[in-house]
Amino acid sequence: MSTDYGPSGASAGVQTGPEEKQGPAVGTIVWGAVVIAVGALMLANRLGWLTVDPGFAAAGVLLLAGLGLVIGGLLASRRRRGTADDAGTSPAGEHPSEGGPHGASPYATE
């Protein structure tokens, strides 16, 4: 007796749009790096390898984290916009000037 009930969901051939590459979020990577940096500074301070002023260290780490979030967000936005522009069609599969399933587009030039 087989329990194979056939394809379902996304594997049933239903297209949900262009494939987006999935990966870790920019914020996850940046805040992970912040936690590692703060931990490393605390450990180095405790071991006596260097003396760290907590105010300057916090300001520097937060500045770098903010830059990382802004730059990472811009790069992710550009990558998403690039994949949407590469598709060249609307989500329904028609050319954007055709108006889709609801009739002619008000922007059509005929």
PDB file of N, CA and C in Angstrom:
ATOM      1  N   MET A   1       0.838  -1.166   0.000  1.00  0.00           N
ATOM      2  CA  MET A   1       0.000   0.000   0.000  1.00  0.00           C
ATOM      3  C   MET A   1       0.889   1.238   0.000  1.00  0.00           C
ATOM      4  N   SER A   2       0.655   2.130  -0.925  1.00  0.00           N
ATOM      5  CA  SER A   2       1.477   3.325  -1.064  1.00  0.00           C
ATOM      6  C   SER A   2       0.810   4.506  -0.369  1.00  0.00           C
ATOM      7  N   THR A   3       1.631   5.362   0.214  1.00  0.00           N
ATOM      8  CA  THR A   3       1.108   6.576   0.845  1.00  0.00           C
ATOM      9  C   THR A   3       1.379   7.797  -0.011  1.00  0.00           C
ATOM     10  N   ASP A   4       1.721   7.597  -1.278  1.00  0.00           N
ATOM     11  CA  ASP A   4       1.996   8.707  -2.186  1.00  0.00           C
ATOM     12  C   ASP A   4       0.678   9.225  -2.732  1.00  0.00           C
ATOM     13  N   TYR A   5       0.282  10.420  -2.312  1.00  0.00           N
ATOM     14  CA  TYR A   5      -0.979  11.002  -2.742  1.00  0.00           C
ATOM     15  C   TYR A   5      -0.797  11.988  -3.889  1.00  0.00           C
ATOM     16  N   GLY A   6       0.365  12.020  -4.494  1.00  0.00           N
ATOM     17  CA  GLY A   6       0.613  12.900  -5.626  1.00  0.00           C
ATOM     18  C   GLY A   6       1.210  14.219  -5.184  1.00  0.00           C
ATOM     19  N   PRO A   7       1.491  15.058  -6.150  1.00  0.00           N
ATOM     20  CA  PRO A   7       2.120  16.337  -5.830  1.00  0.00           C
ATOM     21  C   PRO A   7       1.151  17.269  -5.118  1.00  0.00           C
ATOM     22  N   SER A   8       1.712  18.073  -4.241  1.00  0.00           N
ATOM     23  CA  SER A   8       0.893  19.062  -3.550  1.00  0.00           C
ATOM     24  C   SER A   8       1.723  20.307  -3.291  1.00  0.00           C
ATOM     25  N   GLY A   9       1.062  21.415  -3.038  1.00  0.00           N
ATOM     26  CA  GLY A   9       1.750  22.664  -2.696  1.00  0.00           C
ATOM     27  C   GLY A   9       2.595  23.176  -3.838  1.00  0.00           C
ATOM     28  N   ALA A  10       3.784  23.654  -3.495  1.00  0.00           N
ATOM     29  CA  ALA A  10       4.673  24.251  -4.494  1.00  0.00           C
ATOM     30  C   ALA A  10       5.192  23.211  -5.469  1.00  0.00           C
ATOM     31  N   SER A  11       5.218  21.942  -5.065  1.00  0.00           N
ATOM     32  CA  SER A  11       5.726  20.909  -5.966  1.00  0.00           C
ATOM     33  C   SER A  11       4.682  20.475  -6.970  1.00  0.00           C
ATOM     34  N   ALA A  12       3.460  21.022  -6.908  1.00  0.00           N
ATOM     35  CA  ALA A  12       2.399  20.640  -7.830  1.00  0.00           C
ATOM     36  C   ALA A  12       2.487  21.404  -9.139  1.00  0.00           C
ATOM     37  N   GLY A  13       3.534  22.166  -9.340  1.00  0.00           N
ATOM     38  CA  GLY A  13       3.692  22.907 -10.581  1.00  0.00           C
ATOM     39  C   GLY A  13       3.102  24.304 -10.508  1.00  0.00           C
ATOM     40  N   VAL A  14       2.675  24.739  -9.360  1.00  0.00           N
ATOM     41  CA  VAL A  14       2.130  26.074  -9.189  1.00  0.00           C
ATOM     42  C   VAL A  14       3.294  27.041  -9.077  1.00  0.00           C
ATOM     43  N   GLN A  15       3.346  27.991  -9.989  1.00  0.00           N
ATOM     44  CA  GLN A  15       4.436  28.954  -9.952  1.00  0.00           C
ATOM     45  C   GLN A  15       4.041  30.116  -9.060  1.00  0.00           C
ATOM     46  N   THR A  16       4.911  30.466  -8.146  1.00  0.00           N
ATOM     47  CA  THR A  16       4.646  31.569  -7.232  1.00  0.00           C
ATOM     48  C   THR A  16       5.486  32.787  -7.556  1.00  0.00           C
ATOM     49  N   GLY A  17       6.088  32.833  -8.706  1.00  0.00           N
ATOM     50  CA  GLY A  17       6.920  33.971  -9.074  1.00  0.00           C
ATOM     51  C   GLY A  17       8.365  33.534  -9.218  1.00  0.00           C
ATOM     52  N   PRO A  18       9.248  34.481  -9.485  1.00  0.00           N
ATOM     53  CA  PRO A  18      10.663  34.133  -9.643  1.00  0.00           C
ATOM     54  C   PRO A  18      11.246  33.597  -8.343  1.00  0.00           C
ATOM     55  N   GLU A  19      12.155  32.669  -8.485  1.00  0.00           N
ATOM     56  CA  GLU A  19      12.808  32.078  -7.323  1.00  0.00           C
ATOM     57  C   GLU A  19      13.683  33.129  -6.646  1.00  0.00           C
ATOM     58  N   GLU A  20      13.536  33.267  -5.344  1.00  0.00           N
ATOM     59  CA  GLU A  20      14.410  34.143  -4.576  1.00  0.00           C
ATOM     60  C   GLU A  20      15.396  33.294  -3.822  1.00  0.00           C
ATOM     61  N   LYS A  21      16.634  33.717  -3.837  1.00  0.00           N
ATOM     62  CA  LYS A  21      17.645  33.001  -3.082  1.00  0.00           C
ATOM     63  C   LYS A  21      17.406  33.257  -1.602  1.00  0.00           C
ATOM     64  N   GLN A  22      17.316  32.191  -0.847  1.00  0.00           N
ATOM     65  CA  GLN A  22      17.110  32.318   0.589  1.00  0.00           C
ATOM     66  C   GLN A  22      18.447  32.155   1.289  1.00  0.00           C
ATOM     67  N   GLY A  23      18.653  32.899   2.288  1.00  0.00           N
ATOM     68  CA  GLY A  23      19.880  32.826   3.069  1.00  0.00           C
ATOM     69  C   GLY A  23      19.651  33.530   4.380  1.00  0.00           C
ATOM     70  N   PRO A  24      20.694  33.624   5.179  1.00  0.00           N
ATOM     71  CA  PRO A  24      20.529  34.314   6.463  1.00  0.00           C
ATOM     72  C   PRO A  24      20.244  35.799   6.242  1.00  0.00           C
ATOM     73  N   ALA A  25      19.463  36.366   7.119  1.00  0.00           N
ATOM     74  CA  ALA A  25      19.130  37.782   7.030  1.00  0.00           C
ATOM     75  C   ALA A  25      20.353  38.622   7.385  1.00  0.00           C
ATOM     76  N   VAL A  26      20.431  39.804   6.804  1.00  0.00           N
ATOM     77  CA  VAL A  26      21.552  40.709   7.054  1.00  0.00           C
ATOM     78  C   VAL A  26      21.627  41.057   8.534  1.00  0.00           C
ATOM     79  N   GLY A  27      20.477  41.323   9.142  1.00  0.00           N
ATOM     80  CA  GLY A  27      20.452  41.685  10.548  1.00  0.00           C
ATOM     81  C   GLY A  27      21.000  40.581  11.443  1.00  0.00           C
ATOM     82  N   THR A  28      20.705  39.335  11.105  1.00  0.00           N
ATOM     83  CA  THR A  28      21.212  38.210  11.881  1.00  0.00           C
ATOM     84  C   THR A  28      22.727  38.164  11.845  1.00  0.00           C
ATOM     85  N   ILE A  29      23.300  38.372  10.681  1.00  0.00           N
ATOM     86  CA  ILE A  29      24.755  38.331  10.536  1.00  0.00           C
ATOM     87  C   ILE A  29      25.398  39.499  11.281  1.00  0.00           C
ATOM     88  N   VAL A  30      24.836  40.697  11.113  1.00  0.00           N
ATOM     89  CA  VAL A  30      25.429  41.884  11.747  1.00  0.00           C
ATOM     90  C   VAL A  30      25.349  41.786  13.264  1.00  0.00           C
ATOM     91  N   TRP A  31      24.198  41.434  13.805  1.00  0.00           N
ATOM     92  CA  TRP A  31      24.082  41.365  15.264  1.00  0.00           C
ATOM     93  C   TRP A  31      24.876  40.197  15.828  1.00  0.00           C
ATOM     94  N   GLY A  32      25.023  39.126  15.073  1.00  0.00           N
ATOM     95  CA  GLY A  32      25.916  38.049  15.500  1.00  0.00           C
ATOM     96  C   GLY A  32      27.354  38.529  15.599  1.00  0.00           C
ATOM     97  N   ALA A  33      27.777  39.336  14.619  1.00  0.00           N
ATOM     98  CA  ALA A  33      29.130  39.895  14.646  1.00  0.00           C
ATOM     99  C   ALA A  33      29.301  40.855  15.832  1.00  0.00           C
ATOM    100  N   VAL A  34      28.250  41.612  16.154  1.00  0.00           N
ATOM    101  CA  VAL A  34      28.311  42.517  17.312  1.00  0.00           C
ATOM    102  C   VAL A  34      28.512  41.724  18.595  1.00  0.00           C
ATOM    103  N   VAL A  35      27.755  40.657  18.766  1.00  0.00           N
ATOM    104  CA  VAL A  35      27.870  39.839  19.969  1.00  0.00           C
ATOM    105  C   VAL A  35      29.268  39.230  20.072  1.00  0.00           C
ATOM    106  N   ILE A  36      29.800  38.745  18.958  1.00  0.00           N
ATOM    107  CA  ILE A  36      31.158  38.173  18.956  1.00  0.00           C
ATOM    108  C   ILE A  36      32.194  39.239  19.308  1.00  0.00           C
ATOM    109  N   ALA A  37      32.056  40.434  18.720  1.00  0.00           N
ATOM    110  CA  ALA A  37      33.017  41.504  18.988  1.00  0.00           C
ATOM    111  C   ALA A  37      32.980  41.929  20.454  1.00  0.00           C
ATOM    112  N   VAL A  38      31.779  42.086  21.010  1.00  0.00           N
ATOM    113  CA  VAL A  38      31.669  42.487  22.416  1.00  0.00           C
ATOM    114  C   VAL A  38      32.245  41.402  23.315  1.00  0.00           C
ATOM    115  N   GLY A  39      31.942  40.153  23.014  1.00  0.00           N
ATOM    116  CA  GLY A  39      32.491  39.050  23.805  1.00  0.00           C
ATOM    117  C   GLY A  39      34.001  38.986  23.735  1.00  0.00           C
ATOM    118  N   ALA A  40      34.561  39.183  22.551  1.00  0.00           N
ATOM    119  CA  ALA A  40      36.021  39.154  22.390  1.00  0.00           C
ATOM    120  C   ALA A  40      36.681  40.308  23.145  1.00  0.00           C
ATOM    121  N   LEU A  41      36.074  41.497  23.091  1.00  0.00           N
ATOM    122  CA  LEU A  41      36.622  42.635  23.826  1.00  0.00           C
ATOM    123  C   LEU A  41      36.558  42.403  25.334  1.00  0.00           C
ATOM    124  N   MET A  42      35.459  41.835  25.808  1.00  0.00           N
ATOM    125  CA  MET A  42      35.343  41.557  27.243  1.00  0.00           C
ATOM    126  C   MET A  42      36.370  40.518  27.689  1.00  0.00           C
ATOM    127  N   LEU A  43      36.556  39.490  26.882  1.00  0.00           N
ATOM    128  CA  LEU A  43      37.522  38.445  27.219  1.00  0.00           C
ATOM    129  C   LEU A  43      38.948  39.003  27.222  1.00  0.00           C
ATOM    130  N   ALA A  44      39.291  39.785  26.193  1.00  0.00           N
ATOM    131  CA  ALA A  44      40.632  40.370  26.121  1.00  0.00           C
ATOM    132  C   ALA A  44      40.878  41.315  27.295  1.00  0.00           C
ATOM    133  N   ASN A  45      39.861  42.046  27.698  1.00  0.00           N
ATOM    134  CA  ASN A  45      39.988  42.953  28.840  1.00  0.00           C
ATOM    135  C   ASN A  45      40.197  42.167  30.130  1.00  0.00           C
ATOM    136  N   ARG A  46      39.457  41.086  30.316  1.00  0.00           N
ATOM    137  CA  ARG A  46      39.582  40.277  31.531  1.00  0.00           C
ATOM    138  C   ARG A  46      40.925  39.567  31.621  1.00  0.00           C
ATOM    139  N   LEU A  47      41.450  39.135  30.469  1.00  0.00           N
ATOM    140  CA  LEU A  47      42.731  38.439  30.457  1.00  0.00           C
ATOM    141  C   LEU A  47      43.908  39.402  30.558  1.00  0.00           C
ATOM    142  N   GLY A  48      43.641  40.698  30.455  1.00  0.00           N
ATOM    143  CA  GLY A  48      44.689  41.688  30.584  1.00  0.00           C
ATOM    144  C   GLY A  48      45.469  41.920  29.304  1.00  0.00           C
ATOM    145  N   TRP A  49      44.971  41.422  28.187  1.00  0.00           N
ATOM    146  CA  TRP A  49      45.681  41.609  26.917  1.00  0.00           C
ATOM    147  C   TRP A  49      45.599  43.043  26.433  1.00  0.00           C
ATOM    148  N   LEU A  50      44.502  43.723  26.745  1.00  0.00           N
ATOM    149  CA  LEU A  50      44.351  45.131  26.398  1.00  0.00           C
ATOM    150  C   LEU A  50      43.348  45.761  27.344  1.00  0.00           C
ATOM    151  N   THR A  51      43.444  47.070  27.460  1.00  0.00           N
ATOM    152  CA  THR A  51      42.517  47.805  28.296  1.00  0.00           C
ATOM    153  C   THR A  51      41.497  48.470  27.390  1.00  0.00           C
ATOM    154  N   VAL A  52      40.224  48.233  27.681  1.00  0.00           N
ATOM    155  CA  VAL A  52      39.153  48.724  26.815  1.00  0.00           C
ATOM    156  C   VAL A  52      38.290  49.709  27.599  1.00  0.00           C
ATOM    157  N   ASP A  53      38.119  50.895  27.024  1.00  0.00           N
ATOM    158  CA  ASP A  53      37.181  51.850  27.601  1.00  0.00           C
ATOM    159  C   ASP A  53      35.785  51.452  27.115  1.00  0.00           C
ATOM    160  N   PRO A  54      34.872  51.077  28.011  1.00  0.00           N
ATOM    161  CA  PRO A  54      33.564  50.576  27.579  1.00  0.00           C
ATOM    162  C   PRO A  54      32.764  51.576  26.746  1.00  0.00           C
ATOM    163  N   GLY A  55      32.860  52.856  27.035  1.00  0.00           N
ATOM    164  CA  GLY A  55      32.117  53.857  26.266  1.00  0.00           C
ATOM    165  C   GLY A  55      32.567  53.928  24.821  1.00  0.00           C
ATOM    166  N   PHE A  56      33.881  53.984  24.606  1.00  0.00           N
ATOM    167  CA  PHE A  56      34.399  54.029  23.236  1.00  0.00           C
ATOM    168  C   PHE A  56      34.148  52.713  22.502  1.00  0.00           C
ATOM    169  N   ALA A  57      34.278  51.613  23.221  1.00  0.00           N
ATOM    170  CA  ALA A  57      34.037  50.309  22.593  1.00  0.00           C
ATOM    171  C   ALA A  57      32.584  50.184  22.152  1.00  0.00           C
ATOM    172  N   ALA A  58      31.655  50.600  23.007  1.00  0.00           N
ATOM    173  CA  ALA A  58      30.233  50.525  22.655  1.00  0.00           C
ATOM    174  C   ALA A  58      29.915  51.422  21.457  1.00  0.00           C
ATOM    175  N   ALA A  59      30.465  52.632  21.457  1.00  0.00           N
ATOM    176  CA  ALA A  59      30.220  53.547  20.345  1.00  0.00           C
ATOM    177  C   ALA A  59      30.771  52.986  19.040  1.00  0.00           C
ATOM    178  N   GLY A  60      31.978  52.440  19.086  1.00  0.00           N
ATOM    179  CA  GLY A  60      32.580  51.877  17.876  1.00  0.00           C
ATOM    180  C   GLY A  60      31.827  50.671  17.355  1.00  0.00           C
ATOM    181  N   VAL A  61      31.436  49.765  18.253  1.00  0.00           N
ATOM    182  CA  VAL A  61      30.713  48.564  17.825  1.00  0.00           C
ATOM    183  C   VAL A  61      29.353  48.932  17.253  1.00  0.00           C
ATOM    184  N   LEU A  62      28.631  49.857  17.893  1.00  0.00           N
ATOM    185  CA  LEU A  62      27.327  50.262  17.378  1.00  0.00           C
ATOM    186  C   LEU A  62      27.443  51.001  16.045  1.00  0.00           C
ATOM    187  N   LEU A  63      28.486  51.812  15.883  1.00  0.00           N
ATOM    188  CA  LEU A  63      28.706  52.496  14.608  1.00  0.00           C
ATOM    189  C   LEU A  63      28.936  51.485  13.491  1.00  0.00           C
ATOM    190  N   LEU A  64      29.799  50.512  13.741  1.00  0.00           N
ATOM    191  CA  LEU A  64      30.061  49.488  12.722  1.00  0.00           C
ATOM    192  C   LEU A  64      28.827  48.630  12.440  1.00  0.00           C
ATOM    193  N   ALA A  65      28.055  48.322  13.476  1.00  0.00           N
ATOM    194  CA  ALA A  65      26.830  47.543  13.281  1.00  0.00           C
ATOM    195  C   ALA A  65      25.821  48.319  12.439  1.00  0.00           C
ATOM    196  N   GLY A  66      25.666  49.597  12.724  1.00  0.00           N
ATOM    197  CA  GLY A  66      24.751  50.420  11.922  1.00  0.00           C
ATOM    198  C   GLY A  66      25.161  50.501  10.472  1.00  0.00           C
ATOM    199  N   LEU A  67      26.452  50.691  10.231  1.00  0.00           N
ATOM    200  CA  LEU A  67      26.941  50.705   8.846  1.00  0.00           C
ATOM    201  C   LEU A  67      26.694  49.371   8.163  1.00  0.00           C
ATOM    202  N   GLY A  68      26.930  48.292   8.888  1.00  0.00           N
ATOM    203  CA  GLY A  68      26.699  46.966   8.316  1.00  0.00           C
ATOM    204  C   GLY A  68      25.241  46.738   7.957  1.00  0.00           C
ATOM    205  N   LEU A  69      24.325  47.185   8.814  1.00  0.00           N
ATOM    206  CA  LEU A  69      22.899  47.024   8.539  1.00  0.00           C
ATOM    207  C   LEU A  69      22.458  47.850   7.335  1.00  0.00           C
ATOM    208  N   VAL A  70      22.915  49.090   7.255  1.00  0.00           N
ATOM    209  CA  VAL A  70      22.523  49.954   6.138  1.00  0.00           C
ATOM    210  C   VAL A  70      23.082  49.429   4.821  1.00  0.00           C
ATOM    211  N   ILE A  71      24.362  49.117   4.786  1.00  0.00           N
ATOM    212  CA  ILE A  71      24.986  48.629   3.546  1.00  0.00           C
ATOM    213  C   ILE A  71      24.407  47.272   3.152  1.00  0.00           C
ATOM    214  N   GLY A  72      24.231  46.375   4.124  1.00  0.00           N
ATOM    215  CA  GLY A  72      23.641  45.067   3.824  1.00  0.00           C
ATOM    216  C   GLY A  72      22.217  45.185   3.317  1.00  0.00           C
ATOM    217  N   GLY A  73      21.424  46.081   3.899  1.00  0.00           N
ATOM    218  CA  GLY A  73      20.057  46.288   3.427  1.00  0.00           C
ATOM    219  C   GLY A  73      20.004  46.834   2.015  1.00  0.00           C
ATOM    220  N   LEU A  74      20.902  47.775   1.713  1.00  0.00           N
ATOM    221  CA  LEU A  74      20.955  48.322   0.349  1.00  0.00           C
ATOM    222  C   LEU A  74      21.346  47.247  -0.666  1.00  0.00           C
ATOM    223  N   LEU A  75      22.323  46.430  -0.316  1.00  0.00           N
ATOM    224  CA  LEU A  75      22.741  45.359  -1.229  1.00  0.00           C
ATOM    225  C   LEU A  75      21.636  44.332  -1.424  1.00  0.00           C
ATOM    226  N   ALA A  76      20.931  43.979  -0.352  1.00  0.00           N
ATOM    227  CA  ALA A  76      19.829  43.019  -0.472  1.00  0.00           C
ATOM    228  C   ALA A  76      18.694  43.594  -1.317  1.00  0.00           C
ATOM    229  N   SER A  77      18.407  44.882  -1.144  1.00  0.00           N
ATOM    230  CA  SER A  77      17.364  45.532  -1.938  1.00  0.00           C
ATOM    231  C   SER A  77      17.735  45.550  -3.411  1.00  0.00           C
ATOM    232  N   ARG A  78      18.984  45.859  -3.697  1.00  0.00           N
ATOM    233  CA  ARG A  78      19.439  45.885  -5.086  1.00  0.00           C
ATOM    234  C   ARG A  78      19.367  44.491  -5.703  1.00  0.00           C
ATOM    235  N   ARG A  79      19.718  43.467  -4.922  1.00  0.00           N
ATOM    236  CA  ARG A  79      19.671  42.092  -5.426  1.00  0.00           C
ATOM    237  C   ARG A  79      18.225  41.685  -5.704  1.00  0.00           C
ATOM    238  N   ARG A  80      17.287  42.029  -4.798  1.00  0.00           N
ATOM    239  CA  ARG A  80      15.878  41.691  -4.998  1.00  0.00           C
ATOM    240  C   ARG A  80      15.310  42.426  -6.198  1.00  0.00           C
ATOM    241  N   ARG A  81      15.659  43.708  -6.330  1.00  0.00           N
ATOM    242  CA  ARG A  81      15.168  44.488  -7.459  1.00  0.00           C
ATOM    243  C   ARG A  81      15.724  43.944  -8.764  1.00  0.00           C
ATOM    244  N   GLY A  82      16.969  43.496  -8.749  1.00  0.00           N
ATOM    245  CA  GLY A  82      17.580  42.927  -9.949  1.00  0.00           C
ATOM    246  C   GLY A  82      16.902  41.653 -10.386  1.00  0.00           C
ATOM    247  N   THR A  83      16.489  40.785  -9.459  1.00  0.00           N
ATOM    248  CA  THR A  83      15.808  39.559  -9.842  1.00  0.00           C
ATOM    249  C   THR A  83      14.408  39.845 -10.341  1.00  0.00           C
ATOM    250  N   ALA A  84      13.729  40.877  -9.805  1.00  0.00           N
ATOM    251  CA  ALA A  84      12.397  41.230 -10.283  1.00  0.00           C
ATOM    252  C   ALA A  84      12.478  41.834 -11.677  1.00  0.00           C
ATOM    253  N   ASP A  85      13.509  42.649 -11.953  1.00  0.00           N
ATOM    254  CA  ASP A  85      13.657  43.246 -13.273  1.00  0.00           C
ATOM    255  C   ASP A  85      14.041  42.214 -14.312  1.00  0.00           C
ATOM    256  N   ASP A  86      14.771  41.179 -13.918  1.00  0.00           N
ATOM    257  CA  ASP A  86      15.184  40.154 -14.860  1.00  0.00           C
ATOM    258  C   ASP A  86      14.010  39.334 -15.356  1.00  0.00           C
ATOM    259  N   ALA A  87      12.942  39.225 -14.559  1.00  0.00           N
ATOM    260  CA  ALA A  87      11.800  38.410 -14.954  1.00  0.00           C
ATOM    261  C   ALA A  87      11.100  39.023 -16.153  1.00  0.00           C
ATOM    262  N   GLY A  88      10.921  40.348 -16.185  1.00  0.00           N
ATOM    263  CA  GLY A  88      10.347  41.031 -17.329  1.00  0.00           C
ATOM    264  C   GLY A  88       8.853  40.850 -17.485  1.00  0.00           C
ATOM    265  N   THR A  89       8.188  40.186 -16.576  1.00  0.00           N
ATOM    266  CA  THR A  89       6.756  40.001 -16.682  1.00  0.00           C
ATOM    267  C   THR A  89       6.112  40.321 -15.357  1.00  0.00           C
ATOM    268  N   SER A  90       4.821  40.507 -15.406  1.00  0.00           N
ATOM    269  CA  SER A  90       4.082  40.729 -14.172  1.00  0.00           C
ATOM    270  C   SER A  90       3.872  39.390 -13.488  1.00  0.00           C
ATOM    271  N   PRO A  91       3.436  39.380 -12.232  1.00  0.00           N
ATOM    272  CA  PRO A  91       3.244  38.111 -11.532  1.00  0.00           C
ATOM    273  C   PRO A  91       2.275  37.170 -12.234  1.00  0.00           C
ATOM    274  N   ALA A  92       1.286  37.702 -12.975  1.00  0.00           N
ATOM    275  CA  ALA A  92       0.330  36.841 -13.666  1.00  0.00           C
ATOM    276  C   ALA A  92       0.912  36.270 -14.947  1.00  0.00           C
ATOM    277  N   GLY A  93       2.058  36.744 -15.393  1.00  0.00           N
ATOM    278  CA  GLY A  93       2.697  36.219 -16.584  1.00  0.00           C
ATOM    279  C   GLY A  93       2.488  37.063 -17.821  1.00  0.00           C
ATOM    280  N   GLU A  94       1.651  38.112 -17.737  1.00  0.00           N
ATOM    281  CA  GLU A  94       1.433  38.963 -18.888  1.00  0.00           C
ATOM    282  C   GLU A  94       2.464  40.072 -18.902  1.00  0.00           C
ATOM    283  N   HIS A  95       2.588  40.707 -20.035  1.00  0.00           N
ATOM    284  CA  HIS A  95       3.439  41.883 -20.118  1.00  0.00           C
ATOM    285  C   HIS A  95       2.760  42.983 -19.313  1.00  0.00           C
ATOM    286  N   PRO A  96       3.507  43.793 -18.542  1.00  0.00           N
ATOM    287  CA  PRO A  96       2.879  44.799 -17.683  1.00  0.00           C
ATOM    288  C   PRO A  96       1.968  45.775 -18.417  1.00  0.00           C
ATOM    289  N   SER A  97       2.204  46.075 -19.693  1.00  0.00           N
ATOM    290  CA  SER A  97       1.363  47.035 -20.403  1.00  0.00           C
ATOM    291  C   SER A  97       0.062  46.420 -20.895  1.00  0.00           C
ATOM    292  N   GLU A  98      -0.114  45.100 -20.770  1.00  0.00           N
ATOM    293  CA  GLU A  98      -1.338  44.465 -21.233  1.00  0.00           C
ATOM    294  C   GLU A  98      -2.461  44.555 -20.221  1.00  0.00           C
ATOM    295  N   GLY A  99      -2.169  44.909 -18.996  1.00  0.00           N
ATOM    296  CA  GLY A  99      -3.207  45.127 -18.023  1.00  0.00           C
ATOM    297  C   GLY A  99      -3.603  43.911 -17.226  1.00  0.00           C
ATOM    298  N   GLY A 100      -3.134  42.755 -17.556  1.00  0.00           N
ATOM    299  CA  GLY A 100      -3.426  41.555 -16.779  1.00  0.00           C
ATOM    300  C   GLY A 100      -4.832  41.047 -16.989  1.00  0.00           C
ATOM    301  N   PRO A 101      -5.391  40.343 -16.012  1.00  0.00           N
ATOM    302  CA  PRO A 101      -6.681  39.695 -16.179  1.00  0.00           C
ATOM    303  C   PRO A 101      -7.867  40.649 -16.098  1.00  0.00           C
ATOM    304  N   HIS A 102      -7.650  41.942 -15.765  1.00  0.00           N
ATOM    305  CA  HIS A 102      -8.759  42.876 -15.577  1.00  0.00           C
ATOM    306  C   HIS A 102      -8.923  43.852 -16.728  1.00  0.00           C
ATOM    307  N   GLY A 103      -8.426  43.539 -17.891  1.00  0.00           N
ATOM    308  CA  GLY A 103      -8.616  44.412 -19.038  1.00  0.00           C
ATOM    309  C   GLY A 103      -7.372  45.211 -19.368  1.00  0.00           C
ATOM    310  N   ALA A 104      -7.578  46.185 -20.242  1.00  0.00           N
ATOM    311  CA  ALA A 104      -6.457  46.975 -20.738  1.00  0.00           C
ATOM    312  C   ALA A 104      -5.905  47.886 -19.654  1.00  0.00           C
ATOM    313  N   SER A 105      -4.634  48.115 -19.719  1.00  0.00           N
ATOM    314  CA  SER A 105      -3.967  48.990 -18.773  1.00  0.00           C
ATOM    315  C   SER A 105      -4.200  50.445 -19.174  1.00  0.00           C
ATOM    316  N   PRO A 106      -4.386  51.335 -18.213  1.00  0.00           N
ATOM    317  CA  PRO A 106      -4.503  52.744 -18.565  1.00  0.00           C
ATOM    318  C   PRO A 106      -3.212  53.331 -19.103  1.00  0.00           C
ATOM    319  N   TYR A 107      -2.115  52.576 -18.966  1.00  0.00           N
ATOM    320  CA  TYR A 107      -0.815  53.040 -19.431  1.00  0.00           C
ATOM    321  C   TYR A 107      -0.441  52.488 -20.788  1.00  0.00           C
ATOM    322  N   ALA A 108      -1.319  51.723 -21.407  1.00  0.00           N
ATOM    323  CA  ALA A 108      -1.013  51.115 -22.708  1.00  0.00           C
ATOM    324  C   ALA A 108      -0.896  52.213 -23.754  1.00  0.00           C
ATOM    325  N   THR A 109       0.041  52.048 -24.675  1.00  0.00           N
ATOM    326  CA  THR A 109       0.256  53.034 -25.745  1.00  0.00           C
ATOM    327  C   THR A 109      -0.114  52.404 -27.066  1.00  0.00           C
ATOM    328  N   GLU A 110      -1.368  52.513 -27.426  1.00  0.00           N
ATOM    329  CA  GLU A 110      -1.818  51.910 -28.687  1.00  0.00           C
ATOM    330  C   GLU A 110      -2.337  52.940 -29.628  1.00  0.00           C
TER     331      GLU A 110
END
